[in-house]
N, C-alpha and C. Protein backbone atom coordinates (compact mmCIF):
# COMPACT_ATOMS: atom_id res chain seq x y z
N MET A 1 8.81 -14.30 22.34
CA MET A 1 8.62 -12.90 22.64
C MET A 1 8.29 -12.79 24.13
N THR A 2 8.93 -11.85 24.78
CA THR A 2 8.66 -11.66 26.20
C THR A 2 7.49 -10.72 26.38
N ALA A 3 6.95 -10.71 27.58
CA ALA A 3 5.80 -9.85 27.86
C ALA A 3 6.15 -8.38 27.69
N SER A 4 7.37 -7.99 28.04
CA SER A 4 7.74 -6.58 27.92
C SER A 4 7.82 -6.15 26.46
N LEU A 5 8.29 -7.02 25.57
CA LEU A 5 8.34 -6.68 24.15
C LEU A 5 6.95 -6.64 23.53
N ALA A 6 6.07 -7.51 23.98
CA ALA A 6 4.72 -7.56 23.41
C ALA A 6 3.93 -6.30 23.69
N SER A 7 4.24 -5.62 24.79
CA SER A 7 3.46 -4.44 25.15
C SER A 7 4.02 -3.16 24.54
N GLU A 8 5.20 -3.22 23.90
CA GLU A 8 5.77 -2.03 23.29
C GLU A 8 5.00 -1.63 22.04
N ARG A 9 5.02 -0.36 21.76
CA ARG A 9 4.34 0.14 20.56
C ARG A 9 5.16 -0.22 19.33
N PRO A 10 4.50 -0.44 18.20
CA PRO A 10 5.25 -0.75 16.98
C PRO A 10 6.09 0.45 16.54
N ALA A 11 7.17 0.18 15.85
CA ALA A 11 8.07 1.24 15.40
C ALA A 11 7.42 2.12 14.34
N PHE A 12 6.50 1.55 13.56
CA PHE A 12 5.83 2.30 12.50
C PHE A 12 4.33 2.19 12.67
N SER A 13 3.65 3.29 12.47
CA SER A 13 2.19 3.25 12.47
C SER A 13 1.71 3.00 11.05
N ALA A 14 0.47 2.61 10.91
CA ALA A 14 -0.09 2.40 9.58
C ALA A 14 -0.03 3.69 8.77
N LYS A 15 -0.29 4.82 9.43
CA LYS A 15 -0.27 6.10 8.72
C LYS A 15 1.13 6.42 8.20
N SER A 16 2.15 6.18 9.02
CA SER A 16 3.51 6.49 8.57
C SER A 16 3.93 5.59 7.41
N LEU A 17 3.49 4.33 7.43
CA LEU A 17 3.80 3.43 6.32
C LEU A 17 3.11 3.88 5.04
N LEU A 18 1.85 4.33 5.15
CA LEU A 18 1.14 4.81 3.96
C LEU A 18 1.79 6.07 3.41
N MET A 19 2.18 6.96 4.30
CA MET A 19 2.81 8.20 3.85
C MET A 19 4.16 7.90 3.18
N ALA A 20 4.91 6.95 3.72
CA ALA A 20 6.20 6.58 3.13
C ALA A 20 6.01 5.94 1.76
N ALA A 21 4.89 5.29 1.56
CA ALA A 21 4.62 4.60 0.30
C ALA A 21 4.23 5.56 -0.82
N MET A 22 3.84 6.77 -0.48
CA MET A 22 3.45 7.73 -1.50
C MET A 22 4.71 8.20 -2.24
N VAL A 23 4.83 7.86 -3.48
CA VAL A 23 6.02 8.16 -4.26
C VAL A 23 5.97 9.60 -4.74
N ARG A 24 7.06 10.28 -4.55
CA ARG A 24 7.13 11.67 -5.00
C ARG A 24 7.78 11.77 -6.39
N ASP A 25 8.75 10.92 -6.66
CA ASP A 25 9.46 10.94 -7.94
C ASP A 25 9.22 9.62 -8.65
N ALA A 26 8.53 9.66 -9.75
CA ALA A 26 8.17 8.44 -10.48
C ALA A 26 9.36 7.91 -11.27
N VAL A 27 9.50 6.60 -11.28
CA VAL A 27 10.49 5.95 -12.12
C VAL A 27 9.93 5.83 -13.53
N VAL A 28 8.65 5.49 -13.62
CA VAL A 28 7.95 5.38 -14.89
C VAL A 28 6.64 6.13 -14.74
N LYS A 29 6.27 6.89 -15.74
CA LYS A 29 5.00 7.60 -15.70
C LYS A 29 4.07 6.98 -16.73
N GLU A 30 2.92 6.50 -16.25
CA GLU A 30 1.95 5.87 -17.15
C GLU A 30 0.94 6.89 -17.65
N SER A 31 0.40 6.62 -18.80
CA SER A 31 -0.63 7.46 -19.38
C SER A 31 -1.96 7.21 -18.66
N PRO A 32 -2.76 8.25 -18.43
CA PRO A 32 -4.09 8.03 -17.83
C PRO A 32 -4.98 7.15 -18.70
N GLN A 33 -4.68 7.04 -19.98
CA GLN A 33 -5.46 6.19 -20.86
C GLN A 33 -4.92 4.75 -20.89
N GLY A 34 -3.94 4.46 -20.07
CA GLY A 34 -3.33 3.13 -20.05
C GLY A 34 -4.29 2.06 -19.54
N PRO A 35 -3.87 0.80 -19.64
CA PRO A 35 -4.76 -0.31 -19.26
C PRO A 35 -4.94 -0.49 -17.76
N TYR A 36 -4.23 0.29 -16.94
CA TYR A 36 -4.30 0.08 -15.50
C TYR A 36 -5.09 1.16 -14.77
N ALA A 37 -5.91 1.90 -15.47
CA ALA A 37 -6.77 2.90 -14.83
C ALA A 37 -7.81 2.18 -13.97
N ASN A 38 -8.18 2.82 -12.87
CA ASN A 38 -9.23 2.22 -12.02
C ASN A 38 -10.55 2.20 -12.76
N ILE A 39 -11.29 1.14 -12.56
CA ILE A 39 -12.60 1.01 -13.18
C ILE A 39 -13.63 0.66 -12.12
N ILE A 40 -14.87 0.89 -12.44
CA ILE A 40 -15.97 0.43 -11.59
C ILE A 40 -16.58 -0.76 -12.32
N ALA A 41 -16.51 -1.91 -11.70
CA ALA A 41 -17.01 -3.14 -12.34
C ALA A 41 -18.26 -3.62 -11.62
N VAL A 42 -19.28 -3.91 -12.39
CA VAL A 42 -20.53 -4.48 -11.86
C VAL A 42 -20.94 -5.64 -12.77
N ARG A 43 -21.85 -6.41 -12.27
CA ARG A 43 -22.37 -7.50 -13.11
C ARG A 43 -23.08 -6.91 -14.32
N ARG A 44 -23.01 -7.62 -15.42
CA ARG A 44 -23.65 -7.16 -16.65
C ARG A 44 -25.13 -6.83 -16.41
N ALA A 45 -25.80 -7.62 -15.58
CA ALA A 45 -27.22 -7.39 -15.30
C ALA A 45 -27.47 -6.10 -14.53
N ASP A 46 -26.43 -5.57 -13.86
CA ASP A 46 -26.59 -4.37 -13.04
C ASP A 46 -26.09 -3.09 -13.71
N LYS A 47 -25.49 -3.20 -14.88
CA LYS A 47 -24.81 -2.03 -15.47
C LYS A 47 -25.73 -0.84 -15.75
N ASP A 48 -27.01 -1.08 -15.97
CA ASP A 48 -27.93 0.03 -16.25
C ASP A 48 -28.83 0.37 -15.07
N LYS A 49 -28.58 -0.22 -13.94
CA LYS A 49 -29.40 0.07 -12.75
C LYS A 49 -29.06 1.47 -12.23
N PRO A 50 -30.05 2.14 -11.65
CA PRO A 50 -29.81 3.50 -11.16
C PRO A 50 -28.64 3.61 -10.17
N TRP A 51 -28.51 2.66 -9.26
CA TRP A 51 -27.44 2.75 -8.26
C TRP A 51 -26.06 2.66 -8.92
N ALA A 52 -25.94 1.87 -9.99
CA ALA A 52 -24.66 1.74 -10.69
C ALA A 52 -24.32 3.05 -11.41
N ARG A 53 -25.31 3.63 -12.05
CA ARG A 53 -25.09 4.91 -12.74
C ARG A 53 -24.76 6.02 -11.75
N GLN A 54 -25.41 6.01 -10.57
CA GLN A 54 -25.13 7.01 -9.54
C GLN A 54 -23.71 6.86 -9.00
N LEU A 55 -23.26 5.62 -8.85
CA LEU A 55 -21.90 5.36 -8.37
C LEU A 55 -20.87 5.90 -9.35
N VAL A 56 -21.05 5.63 -10.63
CA VAL A 56 -20.13 6.13 -11.65
C VAL A 56 -20.14 7.66 -11.67
N LYS A 57 -21.32 8.24 -11.61
CA LYS A 57 -21.44 9.70 -11.63
C LYS A 57 -20.74 10.32 -10.42
N ALA A 58 -20.92 9.73 -9.25
CA ALA A 58 -20.28 10.25 -8.04
C ALA A 58 -18.76 10.12 -8.12
N TYR A 59 -18.28 8.96 -8.58
CA TYR A 59 -16.84 8.74 -8.67
C TYR A 59 -16.19 9.68 -9.67
N GLN A 60 -16.88 9.97 -10.76
CA GLN A 60 -16.32 10.82 -11.81
C GLN A 60 -16.68 12.30 -11.62
N SER A 61 -17.03 12.68 -10.41
CA SER A 61 -17.44 14.05 -10.14
C SER A 61 -16.23 14.99 -10.03
N PRO A 62 -16.46 16.27 -10.23
CA PRO A 62 -15.38 17.25 -10.07
C PRO A 62 -14.81 17.24 -8.64
N GLU A 63 -15.65 16.95 -7.66
CA GLU A 63 -15.18 16.92 -6.27
C GLU A 63 -14.17 15.79 -6.05
N VAL A 64 -14.46 14.62 -6.59
CA VAL A 64 -13.53 13.48 -6.45
C VAL A 64 -12.25 13.77 -7.22
N LYS A 65 -12.37 14.34 -8.40
CA LYS A 65 -11.19 14.68 -9.20
C LYS A 65 -10.30 15.67 -8.44
N ALA A 66 -10.91 16.70 -7.85
CA ALA A 66 -10.14 17.68 -7.08
C ALA A 66 -9.48 17.04 -5.87
N PHE A 67 -10.18 16.13 -5.19
CA PHE A 67 -9.61 15.44 -4.04
C PHE A 67 -8.38 14.63 -4.46
N ILE A 68 -8.49 13.88 -5.55
CA ILE A 68 -7.37 13.05 -6.02
C ILE A 68 -6.18 13.94 -6.38
N GLU A 69 -6.43 15.02 -7.09
CA GLU A 69 -5.34 15.91 -7.51
C GLU A 69 -4.67 16.58 -6.31
N THR A 70 -5.47 16.96 -5.30
CA THR A 70 -4.93 17.61 -4.11
C THR A 70 -4.19 16.63 -3.22
N LYS A 71 -4.80 15.50 -2.97
CA LYS A 71 -4.24 14.52 -2.03
C LYS A 71 -2.99 13.83 -2.57
N PHE A 72 -2.99 13.46 -3.84
CA PHE A 72 -1.90 12.66 -4.38
C PHE A 72 -0.88 13.45 -5.20
N LYS A 73 -1.15 14.73 -5.43
CA LYS A 73 -0.20 15.66 -6.05
C LYS A 73 0.54 15.07 -7.26
N GLY A 74 -0.22 14.45 -8.16
CA GLY A 74 0.36 13.92 -9.39
C GLY A 74 0.80 12.47 -9.33
N ALA A 75 0.88 11.87 -8.13
CA ALA A 75 1.25 10.45 -8.02
C ALA A 75 0.12 9.56 -8.52
N LEU A 76 -1.09 10.07 -8.48
CA LEU A 76 -2.27 9.37 -8.98
C LEU A 76 -3.02 10.37 -9.84
N VAL A 77 -3.38 9.98 -11.03
CA VAL A 77 -4.04 10.90 -11.96
C VAL A 77 -5.44 10.39 -12.24
N PRO A 78 -6.47 11.24 -12.06
CA PRO A 78 -7.82 10.80 -12.40
C PRO A 78 -7.89 10.48 -13.89
N ALA A 79 -8.36 9.30 -14.21
CA ALA A 79 -8.42 8.87 -15.61
C ALA A 79 -9.84 8.92 -16.14
N PHE A 80 -10.56 9.96 -15.77
CA PHE A 80 -11.93 10.12 -16.26
C PHE A 80 -12.15 11.55 -16.66
């Protein structure tokens, strides 16, 4: 690689790659109750600790649900 090529800007930014990756038309649509829903995993010893319960409560809040629905427009479905 020459010095002039090394200083050029990349053809794609991280943001443009992320935006391109957002699928608008699904090939397969999974059920929100499917086995691939996001989960919050903690050690068994921590599952009843206040911070773990607060994390679950915050993640499953109406605000987070609204954000997911607005931002991903059906490409990602809140499964809670």
